[in-house]
Amino acid sequence: MSLFGDGLDAAVQKAFTRPTPKSAPAQMRYLVKQLKSTKAVAQMLRISQRTVERYVKGQIKRPRPDLAARMEREVKKRWQPQVRAKARQKAATTGGIVIDTRARMGFTAPIGSTDQDRIRHLTLALPPQHAARLFDAQEAGATDQQLQDIAAEALKEVYFQDGGRRAGSLEEVRFTDIEHLEFDL
């Protein structure tokens, strides 16, 4: 499970204009329509092609919990791609992204500064360029650690340096022990 990747996806999913299919047969029909074959859906979900066909016909209505989670995740990943793209574009160009986190944060700075790590709860609006970096890195397949580093750099600029108005000699921000993380567009 990717904390940052899933958080960014959840923020974009809030922009959906219609709800995703709820029932297992409806989800399976949607996946078959998207992937254009029952065989492709079966391989993706790691089930038999016959099982996919039975879901599509409505012969099976209740999947196992692990299969239900995989189906829901795959449907949400493909649901309303144009709405998803517009939401990302808006956040990356004009709107920015809001990060709400409770984590241990500190920084590396010259001798004599108070760089002690401590738990902080922050809710900050990050400018569009930081949203663009996060979304671009996610699209490129960045790891959760890379996304965490990008978020730490954004917090350094927005929170600790206040857009260049203070703490100019700050070198590195530590962003660890994340207890809560949520993004919003």
N, C-alpha and C. Protein backbone atom coordinates (compact mmCIF):
# COMPACT_ATOMS: atom_id res chain seq x y z
N MET A 1 0.84 -1.18 0.00
CA MET A 1 0.00 0.00 0.00
C MET A 1 0.88 1.24 0.00
N SER A 2 0.61 2.13 -0.89
CA SER A 2 1.38 3.35 -1.05
C SER A 2 0.65 4.50 -0.38
N LEU A 3 1.20 5.03 0.69
CA LEU A 3 0.55 6.09 1.45
C LEU A 3 0.37 7.35 0.61
N PHE A 4 1.42 7.79 -0.05
CA PHE A 4 1.35 9.02 -0.83
C PHE A 4 0.58 8.80 -2.13
N GLY A 5 0.87 7.70 -2.83
CA GLY A 5 0.17 7.41 -4.09
C GLY A 5 -1.32 7.25 -3.89
N ASP A 6 -1.71 6.50 -2.86
CA ASP A 6 -3.13 6.31 -2.57
C ASP A 6 -3.78 7.62 -2.13
N GLY A 7 -3.03 8.44 -1.39
CA GLY A 7 -3.56 9.74 -0.96
C GLY A 7 -3.83 10.67 -2.13
N LEU A 8 -2.91 10.70 -3.09
CA LEU A 8 -3.10 11.52 -4.28
C LEU A 8 -4.28 11.01 -5.11
N ASP A 9 -4.39 9.68 -5.23
CA ASP A 9 -5.52 9.10 -5.97
C ASP A 9 -6.85 9.44 -5.30
N ALA A 10 -6.90 9.36 -3.98
CA ALA A 10 -8.13 9.66 -3.25
C ALA A 10 -8.53 11.12 -3.44
N ALA A 11 -7.55 12.02 -3.49
CA ALA A 11 -7.86 13.44 -3.71
C ALA A 11 -8.47 13.65 -5.08
N VAL A 12 -7.92 12.98 -6.08
CA VAL A 12 -8.44 13.12 -7.45
C VAL A 12 -9.82 12.48 -7.56
N GLN A 13 -10.06 11.39 -6.84
CA GLN A 13 -11.35 10.70 -6.90
C GLN A 13 -12.48 11.55 -6.33
N LYS A 14 -12.16 12.52 -5.50
CA LYS A 14 -13.19 13.41 -4.97
C LYS A 14 -13.79 14.28 -6.08
N ALA A 15 -13.11 14.38 -7.20
CA ALA A 15 -13.58 15.20 -8.32
C ALA A 15 -14.55 14.44 -9.22
N PHE A 16 -14.73 13.13 -8.99
CA PHE A 16 -15.62 12.34 -9.84
C PHE A 16 -17.02 12.94 -9.84
N THR A 17 -17.66 12.95 -11.00
CA THR A 17 -19.00 13.51 -11.12
C THR A 17 -20.08 12.47 -10.96
N ARG A 18 -19.72 11.20 -11.13
CA ARG A 18 -20.69 10.11 -10.94
C ARG A 18 -20.06 9.06 -10.03
N PRO A 19 -20.86 8.37 -9.24
CA PRO A 19 -20.29 7.33 -8.38
C PRO A 19 -19.85 6.12 -9.20
N THR A 20 -18.85 5.42 -8.69
CA THR A 20 -18.39 4.20 -9.35
C THR A 20 -19.43 3.11 -9.18
N PRO A 21 -19.43 2.10 -10.05
CA PRO A 21 -20.37 0.99 -9.88
C PRO A 21 -20.16 0.32 -8.52
N LYS A 22 -21.25 -0.02 -7.86
CA LYS A 22 -21.17 -0.58 -6.50
C LYS A 22 -21.20 -2.11 -6.48
N SER A 23 -22.10 -2.71 -7.25
CA SER A 23 -22.26 -4.17 -7.18
C SER A 23 -21.12 -4.86 -7.94
N ALA A 24 -20.82 -6.06 -7.53
CA ALA A 24 -19.76 -6.83 -8.17
C ALA A 24 -20.05 -7.09 -9.65
N PRO A 25 -21.27 -7.49 -10.03
CA PRO A 25 -21.53 -7.68 -11.47
C PRO A 25 -21.35 -6.40 -12.28
N ALA A 26 -21.79 -5.27 -11.74
CA ALA A 26 -21.63 -4.00 -12.45
C ALA A 26 -20.15 -3.62 -12.57
N GLN A 27 -19.38 -3.84 -11.53
CA GLN A 27 -17.95 -3.57 -11.59
C GLN A 27 -17.27 -4.46 -12.62
N MET A 28 -17.66 -5.72 -12.65
CA MET A 28 -17.05 -6.66 -13.59
C MET A 28 -17.42 -6.30 -15.02
N ARG A 29 -18.68 -5.91 -15.26
CA ARG A 29 -19.07 -5.50 -16.62
C ARG A 29 -18.28 -4.27 -17.05
N TYR A 30 -18.07 -3.34 -16.13
CA TYR A 30 -17.29 -2.14 -16.46
C TYR A 30 -15.86 -2.51 -16.82
N LEU A 31 -15.24 -3.40 -16.05
CA LEU A 31 -13.87 -3.80 -16.34
C LEU A 31 -13.77 -4.53 -17.68
N VAL A 32 -14.75 -5.38 -17.98
CA VAL A 32 -14.75 -6.08 -19.26
C VAL A 32 -14.89 -5.07 -20.40
N LYS A 33 -15.74 -4.09 -20.22
CA LYS A 33 -15.92 -3.06 -21.24
C LYS A 33 -14.62 -2.27 -21.44
N GLN A 34 -13.92 -1.96 -20.36
CA GLN A 34 -12.69 -1.19 -20.47
C GLN A 34 -11.55 -1.98 -21.10
N LEU A 35 -11.41 -3.23 -20.69
CA LEU A 35 -10.29 -4.06 -21.17
C LEU A 35 -10.64 -4.86 -22.43
N LYS A 36 -11.90 -4.83 -22.81
CA LYS A 36 -12.41 -5.41 -24.06
C LYS A 36 -12.35 -6.93 -24.14
N SER A 37 -12.09 -7.62 -23.03
CA SER A 37 -12.18 -9.08 -23.04
C SER A 37 -12.24 -9.62 -21.61
N THR A 38 -12.93 -10.73 -21.48
CA THR A 38 -13.02 -11.37 -20.17
C THR A 38 -11.68 -11.99 -19.79
N LYS A 39 -10.92 -12.42 -20.79
CA LYS A 39 -9.62 -13.03 -20.52
C LYS A 39 -8.66 -12.02 -19.88
N ALA A 40 -8.63 -10.79 -20.39
CA ALA A 40 -7.75 -9.75 -19.84
C ALA A 40 -8.14 -9.41 -18.41
N VAL A 41 -9.46 -9.34 -18.14
CA VAL A 41 -9.93 -9.04 -16.79
C VAL A 41 -9.55 -10.19 -15.85
N ALA A 42 -9.70 -11.41 -16.31
CA ALA A 42 -9.36 -12.57 -15.49
C ALA A 42 -7.88 -12.56 -15.12
N GLN A 43 -7.02 -12.25 -16.08
CA GLN A 43 -5.58 -12.21 -15.80
C GLN A 43 -5.26 -11.07 -14.83
N MET A 44 -5.88 -9.91 -15.00
CA MET A 44 -5.61 -8.77 -14.15
C MET A 44 -6.05 -9.06 -12.70
N LEU A 45 -7.21 -9.69 -12.53
CA LEU A 45 -7.73 -9.95 -11.18
C LEU A 45 -7.25 -11.29 -10.60
N ARG A 46 -6.52 -12.05 -11.39
CA ARG A 46 -5.99 -13.36 -10.98
C ARG A 46 -7.12 -14.34 -10.61
N ILE A 47 -8.12 -14.41 -11.49
CA ILE A 47 -9.21 -15.37 -11.35
C ILE A 47 -9.42 -16.02 -12.71
N SER A 48 -10.29 -17.03 -12.79
CA SER A 48 -10.52 -17.71 -14.06
C SER A 48 -11.44 -16.88 -14.97
N GLN A 49 -11.31 -17.13 -16.25
CA GLN A 49 -12.14 -16.43 -17.22
C GLN A 49 -13.61 -16.80 -17.01
N ARG A 50 -13.88 -18.04 -16.66
CA ARG A 50 -15.25 -18.50 -16.42
C ARG A 50 -15.87 -17.74 -15.22
N THR A 51 -15.09 -17.47 -14.21
CA THR A 51 -15.59 -16.71 -13.06
C THR A 51 -15.97 -15.30 -13.48
N VAL A 52 -15.16 -14.69 -14.32
CA VAL A 52 -15.48 -13.35 -14.83
C VAL A 52 -16.81 -13.40 -15.59
N GLU A 53 -16.98 -14.40 -16.44
CA GLU A 53 -18.22 -14.53 -17.22
C GLU A 53 -19.43 -14.70 -16.31
N ARG A 54 -19.27 -15.45 -15.23
CA ARG A 54 -20.38 -15.65 -14.30
C ARG A 54 -20.74 -14.36 -13.57
N TYR A 55 -19.75 -13.53 -13.23
CA TYR A 55 -20.03 -12.22 -12.63
C TYR A 55 -20.76 -11.33 -13.62
N VAL A 56 -20.32 -11.31 -14.88
CA VAL A 56 -20.94 -10.47 -15.90
C VAL A 56 -22.41 -10.85 -16.09
N LYS A 57 -22.72 -12.15 -16.07
CA LYS A 57 -24.10 -12.61 -16.23
C LYS A 57 -24.93 -12.43 -14.95
N GLY A 58 -24.29 -12.14 -13.84
CA GLY A 58 -25.01 -11.96 -12.59
C GLY A 58 -25.22 -13.25 -11.83
N GLN A 59 -24.56 -14.32 -12.23
CA GLN A 59 -24.69 -15.61 -11.54
C GLN A 59 -23.97 -15.61 -10.19
N ILE A 60 -22.93 -14.80 -10.08
CA ILE A 60 -22.23 -14.62 -8.81
C ILE A 60 -22.40 -13.15 -8.44
N LYS A 61 -22.77 -12.90 -7.20
CA LYS A 61 -23.02 -11.52 -6.77
C LYS A 61 -22.11 -11.04 -5.65
N ARG A 62 -21.57 -11.95 -4.87
CA ARG A 62 -20.76 -11.57 -3.72
C ARG A 62 -19.35 -12.15 -3.83
N PRO A 63 -18.37 -11.31 -4.13
CA PRO A 63 -16.99 -11.80 -4.23
C PRO A 63 -16.34 -11.94 -2.85
N ARG A 64 -15.27 -12.71 -2.82
CA ARG A 64 -14.46 -12.80 -1.60
C ARG A 64 -13.93 -11.40 -1.28
N PRO A 65 -13.65 -11.12 -0.01
CA PRO A 65 -13.18 -9.77 0.35
C PRO A 65 -11.95 -9.31 -0.41
N ASP A 66 -10.97 -10.20 -0.62
CA ASP A 66 -9.76 -9.79 -1.33
C ASP A 66 -10.06 -9.49 -2.80
N LEU A 67 -10.93 -10.28 -3.42
CA LEU A 67 -11.32 -10.04 -4.81
C LEU A 67 -12.15 -8.75 -4.91
N ALA A 68 -13.03 -8.53 -3.96
CA ALA A 68 -13.85 -7.31 -3.97
C ALA A 68 -12.95 -6.07 -3.89
N ALA A 69 -11.92 -6.12 -3.06
CA ALA A 69 -11.00 -4.99 -2.93
C ALA A 69 -10.23 -4.77 -4.24
N ARG A 70 -9.76 -5.85 -4.87
CA ARG A 70 -9.04 -5.71 -6.14
C ARG A 70 -9.94 -5.15 -7.22
N MET A 71 -11.20 -5.63 -7.28
CA MET A 71 -12.13 -5.13 -8.28
C MET A 71 -12.40 -3.64 -8.08
N GLU A 72 -12.66 -3.25 -6.85
CA GLU A 72 -12.95 -1.84 -6.57
C GLU A 72 -11.75 -0.96 -6.91
N ARG A 73 -10.54 -1.42 -6.56
CA ARG A 73 -9.34 -0.64 -6.85
C ARG A 73 -9.14 -0.47 -8.37
N GLU A 74 -9.36 -1.54 -9.12
CA GLU A 74 -9.19 -1.47 -10.58
C GLU A 74 -10.25 -0.60 -11.24
N VAL A 75 -11.48 -0.66 -10.74
CA VAL A 75 -12.55 0.19 -11.29
C VAL A 75 -12.23 1.65 -11.02
N LYS A 76 -11.84 1.98 -9.79
CA LYS A 76 -11.53 3.37 -9.45
C LYS A 76 -10.33 3.89 -10.24
N LYS A 77 -9.39 3.00 -10.54
CA LYS A 77 -8.21 3.40 -11.30
C LYS A 77 -8.59 3.83 -12.72
N ARG A 78 -9.65 3.24 -13.27
CA ARG A 78 -10.05 3.50 -14.65
C ARG A 78 -11.27 4.42 -14.78
N TRP A 79 -11.93 4.74 -13.68
CA TRP A 79 -13.19 5.47 -13.71
C TRP A 79 -12.96 6.93 -14.09
N GLN A 80 -13.75 7.43 -15.00
CA GLN A 80 -13.77 8.82 -15.46
C GLN A 80 -12.35 9.40 -15.69
N PRO A 81 -11.65 8.87 -16.67
CA PRO A 81 -10.28 9.34 -16.92
C PRO A 81 -10.20 10.81 -17.32
N GLN A 82 -11.20 11.32 -18.02
CA GLN A 82 -11.16 12.73 -18.41
C GLN A 82 -11.36 13.65 -17.21
N VAL A 83 -12.26 13.28 -16.31
CA VAL A 83 -12.48 14.07 -15.09
C VAL A 83 -11.21 14.04 -14.24
N ARG A 84 -10.61 12.88 -14.15
CA ARG A 84 -9.36 12.72 -13.39
C ARG A 84 -8.26 13.62 -13.97
N ALA A 85 -8.14 13.60 -15.30
CA ALA A 85 -7.10 14.41 -15.96
C ALA A 85 -7.34 15.91 -15.75
N LYS A 86 -8.61 16.32 -15.84
CA LYS A 86 -8.92 17.75 -15.63
C LYS A 86 -8.61 18.18 -14.19
N ALA A 87 -8.93 17.33 -13.22
CA ALA A 87 -8.67 17.66 -11.82
C ALA A 87 -7.17 17.79 -11.57
N ARG A 88 -6.38 16.86 -12.12
CA ARG A 88 -4.92 16.94 -11.97
C ARG A 88 -4.37 18.19 -12.64
N GLN A 89 -4.88 18.48 -13.84
CA GLN A 89 -4.42 19.65 -14.59
C GLN A 89 -4.72 20.94 -13.84
N LYS A 90 -5.92 21.02 -13.29
CA LYS A 90 -6.31 22.22 -12.55
C LYS A 90 -5.42 22.40 -11.31
N ALA A 91 -5.17 21.31 -10.60
CA ALA A 91 -4.32 21.38 -9.41
C ALA A 91 -2.89 21.77 -9.78
N ALA A 92 -2.41 21.29 -10.92
CA ALA A 92 -1.03 21.53 -11.33
C ALA A 92 -0.83 22.91 -11.95
N THR A 93 -1.90 23.56 -12.38
CA THR A 93 -1.74 24.85 -13.05
C THR A 93 -2.28 26.03 -12.24
N THR A 94 -3.44 25.87 -11.61
CA THR A 94 -4.03 27.02 -10.93
C THR A 94 -4.39 26.77 -9.47
N GLY A 95 -4.91 25.60 -9.16
CA GLY A 95 -5.49 25.38 -7.84
C GLY A 95 -4.54 24.98 -6.74
N GLY A 96 -3.51 24.22 -7.09
CA GLY A 96 -2.63 23.69 -6.06
C GLY A 96 -3.27 22.51 -5.36
N ILE A 97 -2.65 22.09 -4.28
CA ILE A 97 -3.13 20.92 -3.53
C ILE A 97 -2.97 21.21 -2.04
N VAL A 98 -3.90 20.71 -1.25
CA VAL A 98 -3.84 20.90 0.20
C VAL A 98 -3.34 19.59 0.81
N ILE A 99 -2.37 19.71 1.69
CA ILE A 99 -1.86 18.54 2.39
C ILE A 99 -2.21 18.68 3.87
N ASP A 100 -2.79 17.64 4.43
CA ASP A 100 -3.11 17.60 5.85
C ASP A 100 -2.34 16.42 6.42
N THR A 101 -1.40 16.68 7.29
CA THR A 101 -0.56 15.60 7.81
C THR A 101 -0.25 15.79 9.28
N ARG A 102 -0.04 14.67 9.92
CA ARG A 102 0.48 14.65 11.29
C ARG A 102 1.67 13.71 11.23
N ALA A 103 2.85 14.30 11.41
CA ALA A 103 4.08 13.53 11.26
C ALA A 103 5.21 14.18 12.05
N ARG A 104 6.30 13.46 12.14
CA ARG A 104 7.50 13.99 12.80
C ARG A 104 8.26 14.79 11.76
N MET A 105 8.48 16.08 12.07
CA MET A 105 9.20 16.95 11.14
C MET A 105 10.28 17.72 11.87
N GLY A 106 11.38 17.88 11.19
CA GLY A 106 12.50 18.67 11.69
C GLY A 106 13.34 19.06 10.49
N PHE A 107 14.49 19.68 10.74
CA PHE A 107 15.30 20.12 9.62
C PHE A 107 16.76 20.17 9.99
N THR A 108 17.59 20.18 8.96
CA THR A 108 19.02 20.34 9.11
C THR A 108 19.35 21.78 8.79
N ALA A 109 20.03 22.44 9.70
CA ALA A 109 20.36 23.86 9.53
C ALA A 109 21.72 24.11 10.19
N PRO A 110 22.24 25.32 10.02
CA PRO A 110 23.54 25.66 10.64
C PRO A 110 23.48 25.50 12.17
N ILE A 111 24.66 25.38 12.75
CA ILE A 111 24.79 25.23 14.20
C ILE A 111 24.10 26.39 14.92
N GLY A 112 23.43 26.07 16.02
CA GLY A 112 22.79 27.10 16.83
C GLY A 112 21.31 27.27 16.54
N SER A 113 20.77 26.55 15.59
CA SER A 113 19.35 26.69 15.29
C SER A 113 18.58 25.58 16.00
N THR A 114 17.29 25.75 16.14
CA THR A 114 16.46 24.75 16.81
C THR A 114 15.93 23.79 15.75
N ASP A 115 16.67 22.71 15.54
CA ASP A 115 16.31 21.77 14.50
C ASP A 115 15.73 20.46 15.05
N GLN A 116 15.27 20.49 16.27
CA GLN A 116 14.74 19.28 16.91
C GLN A 116 13.50 18.77 16.18
N ASP A 117 13.51 17.47 15.85
CA ASP A 117 12.33 16.85 15.26
C ASP A 117 11.21 16.82 16.29
N ARG A 118 9.98 17.05 15.82
CA ARG A 118 8.84 16.91 16.72
C ARG A 118 7.59 16.62 15.89
N ILE A 119 6.61 16.05 16.55
CA ILE A 119 5.34 15.75 15.87
C ILE A 119 4.62 17.07 15.63
N ARG A 120 4.23 17.28 14.38
CA ARG A 120 3.48 18.48 14.02
C ARG A 120 2.24 18.06 13.23
N HIS A 121 1.18 18.79 13.42
CA HIS A 121 -0.02 18.60 12.61
C HIS A 121 -0.16 19.83 11.73
N LEU A 122 -0.01 19.64 10.43
CA LEU A 122 -0.05 20.75 9.48
C LEU A 122 -1.15 20.54 8.45
N THR A 123 -1.82 21.62 8.13
CA THR A 123 -2.74 21.65 7.00
C THR A 123 -2.31 22.86 6.18
N LEU A 124 -1.71 22.57 5.02
CA LEU A 124 -1.14 23.63 4.20
C LEU A 124 -1.60 23.54 2.76
N ALA A 125 -1.81 24.68 2.15
CA ALA A 125 -2.10 24.74 0.72
C ALA A 125 -0.77 24.86 0.00
N LEU A 126 -0.46 23.85 -0.80
CA LEU A 126 0.78 23.89 -1.57
C LEU A 126 0.50 24.52 -2.93
N PRO A 127 1.38 25.39 -3.41
CA PRO A 127 1.18 26.03 -4.71
C PRO A 127 1.15 25.01 -5.85
N PRO A 128 0.63 25.42 -7.01
CA PRO A 128 0.47 24.51 -8.14
C PRO A 128 1.75 23.80 -8.59
N GLN A 129 2.91 24.47 -8.49
CA GLN A 129 4.13 23.81 -8.96
C GLN A 129 4.45 22.57 -8.14
N HIS A 130 4.12 22.58 -6.86
CA HIS A 130 4.36 21.40 -6.01
C HIS A 130 3.36 20.29 -6.34
N ALA A 131 2.11 20.67 -6.61
CA ALA A 131 1.12 19.67 -7.04
C ALA A 131 1.55 19.04 -8.35
N ALA A 132 2.06 19.86 -9.27
CA ALA A 132 2.52 19.34 -10.56
C ALA A 132 3.66 18.36 -10.37
N ARG A 133 4.61 18.69 -9.50
CA ARG A 133 5.74 17.77 -9.24
C ARG A 133 5.26 16.45 -8.66
N LEU A 134 4.32 16.52 -7.71
CA LEU A 134 3.80 15.28 -7.11
C LEU A 134 3.08 14.42 -8.14
N PHE A 135 2.18 15.04 -8.93
CA PHE A 135 1.44 14.27 -9.93
C PHE A 135 2.35 13.74 -11.04
N ASP A 136 3.32 14.54 -11.47
CA ASP A 136 4.24 14.09 -12.51
C ASP A 136 5.07 12.90 -12.02
N ALA A 137 5.54 12.99 -10.79
CA ALA A 137 6.33 11.89 -10.22
C ALA A 137 5.48 10.64 -10.08
N GLN A 138 4.23 10.81 -9.66
CA GLN A 138 3.34 9.66 -9.52
C GLN A 138 3.09 9.00 -10.88
N GLU A 139 2.87 9.82 -11.91
CA GLU A 139 2.66 9.31 -13.28
C GLU A 139 3.88 8.55 -13.77
N ALA A 140 5.07 9.03 -13.40
CA ALA A 140 6.32 8.41 -13.84
C ALA A 140 6.64 7.14 -13.05
N GLY A 141 5.80 6.81 -12.08
CA GLY A 141 6.01 5.58 -11.31
C GLY A 141 6.94 5.74 -10.13
N ALA A 142 6.98 6.92 -9.55
CA ALA A 142 7.85 7.18 -8.40
C ALA A 142 7.45 6.31 -7.21
N THR A 143 8.44 5.96 -6.41
CA THR A 143 8.16 5.18 -5.20
C THR A 143 7.55 6.10 -4.15
N ASP A 144 7.03 5.49 -3.10
CA ASP A 144 6.44 6.26 -2.02
C ASP A 144 7.50 7.15 -1.35
N GLN A 145 8.73 6.65 -1.25
CA GLN A 145 9.81 7.43 -0.65
C GLN A 145 10.13 8.66 -1.49
N GLN A 146 10.11 8.53 -2.81
CA GLN A 146 10.37 9.67 -3.69
C GLN A 146 9.25 10.71 -3.56
N LEU A 147 8.00 10.25 -3.48
CA LEU A 147 6.88 11.17 -3.29
C LEU A 147 6.98 11.86 -1.93
N GLN A 148 7.43 11.13 -0.92
CA GLN A 148 7.61 11.69 0.42
C GLN A 148 8.70 12.77 0.38
N ASP A 149 9.78 12.54 -0.37
CA ASP A 149 10.85 13.54 -0.48
C ASP A 149 10.36 14.80 -1.18
N ILE A 150 9.52 14.64 -2.21
CA ILE A 150 8.97 15.80 -2.91
C ILE A 150 8.06 16.59 -1.97
N ALA A 151 7.24 15.88 -1.19
CA ALA A 151 6.36 16.54 -0.22
C ALA A 151 7.19 17.26 0.85
N ALA A 152 8.29 16.64 1.30
CA ALA A 152 9.15 17.27 2.31
C ALA A 152 9.76 18.56 1.75
N GLU A 153 10.17 18.53 0.50
CA GLU A 153 10.73 19.73 -0.12
C GLU A 153 9.67 20.83 -0.23
N ALA A 154 8.43 20.44 -0.55
CA ALA A 154 7.34 21.41 -0.62
C ALA A 154 7.06 22.01 0.75
N LEU A 155 7.05 21.18 1.79
CA LEU A 155 6.84 21.67 3.16
C LEU A 155 7.97 22.59 3.59
N LYS A 156 9.18 22.27 3.17
CA LYS A 156 10.33 23.13 3.48
C LYS A 156 10.09 24.53 2.92
N GLU A 157 9.69 24.59 1.66
CA GLU A 157 9.52 25.90 1.02
C GLU A 157 8.32 26.66 1.56
N VAL A 158 7.18 25.95 1.73
CA VAL A 158 5.94 26.63 2.11
C VAL A 158 5.86 26.89 3.61
N TYR A 159 6.21 25.91 4.43
CA TYR A 159 6.02 26.05 5.88
C TYR A 159 7.26 26.61 6.58
N PHE A 160 8.39 25.95 6.40
CA PHE A 160 9.57 26.36 7.14
C PHE A 160 10.19 27.65 6.61
N GLN A 161 10.23 27.81 5.28
CA GLN A 161 10.85 29.01 4.71
C GLN A 161 9.83 30.08 4.36
N ASP A 162 8.57 29.77 4.44
CA ASP A 162 7.50 30.74 4.17
C ASP A 162 7.72 31.45 2.84
N GLY A 163 7.97 30.65 1.80
CA GLY A 163 8.14 31.21 0.47
C GLY A 163 9.38 32.07 0.32
N GLY A 164 10.42 31.82 1.10
CA GLY A 164 11.66 32.58 0.99
C GLY A 164 11.78 33.74 1.97
N ARG A 165 10.80 33.95 2.82
CA ARG A 165 10.82 35.08 3.75
C ARG A 165 11.60 34.79 5.04
N ARG A 166 11.90 33.53 5.31
CA ARG A 166 12.65 33.20 6.52
C ARG A 166 13.40 31.89 6.33
N ALA A 167 14.26 31.58 7.26
CA ALA A 167 15.03 30.33 7.28
C ALA A 167 15.69 30.03 5.93
N GLY A 168 16.35 31.01 5.36
CA GLY A 168 16.99 30.84 4.06
C GLY A 168 18.13 29.85 4.07
N SER A 169 18.75 29.63 5.23
CA SER A 169 19.89 28.72 5.30
C SER A 169 19.47 27.27 5.58
N LEU A 170 18.19 27.00 5.55
CA LEU A 170 17.69 25.65 5.80
C LEU A 170 18.20 24.70 4.72
N GLU A 171 18.72 23.57 5.14
CA GLU A 171 19.31 22.66 4.17
C GLU A 171 18.37 21.52 3.78
N GLU A 172 17.85 20.82 4.76
CA GLU A 172 17.03 19.64 4.48
C GLU A 172 15.94 19.51 5.53
N VAL A 173 14.75 19.10 5.10
CA VAL A 173 13.65 18.87 6.03
C VAL A 173 13.44 17.36 6.17
N ARG A 174 13.33 16.91 7.42
CA ARG A 174 13.03 15.50 7.68
C ARG A 174 11.52 15.38 7.90
N PHE A 175 10.92 14.45 7.19
CA PHE A 175 9.47 14.24 7.21
C PHE A 175 9.27 12.74 7.41
N THR A 176 9.14 12.31 8.67
CA THR A 176 9.10 10.87 8.98
C THR A 176 7.96 10.55 9.93
N ASP A 177 7.83 9.29 10.28
CA ASP A 177 6.83 8.81 11.25
C ASP A 177 5.45 9.38 10.96
N ILE A 178 4.98 9.20 9.77
CA ILE A 178 3.71 9.79 9.34
C ILE A 178 2.56 9.03 9.99
N GLU A 179 1.78 9.74 10.79
CA GLU A 179 0.61 9.16 11.45
C GLU A 179 -0.64 9.35 10.62
N HIS A 180 -0.72 10.47 9.92
CA HIS A 180 -1.91 10.81 9.13
C HIS A 180 -1.46 11.59 7.90
N LEU A 181 -2.04 11.27 6.75
CA LEU A 181 -1.73 12.01 5.54
C LEU A 181 -2.97 12.03 4.64
N GLU A 182 -3.36 13.21 4.24
CA GLU A 182 -4.52 13.34 3.36
C GLU A 182 -4.27 14.50 2.42
N PHE A 183 -4.66 14.32 1.16
CA PHE A 183 -4.55 15.39 0.17
C PHE A 183 -5.94 15.80 -0.25
N ASP A 184 -6.07 17.05 -0.68
CA ASP A 184 -7.33 17.55 -1.20
C ASP A 184 -7.01 18.56 -2.30
N LEU A 185 -7.86 18.60 -3.30
CA LEU A 185 -7.63 19.54 -4.41
C LEU A 185 -8.32 20.85 -4.17
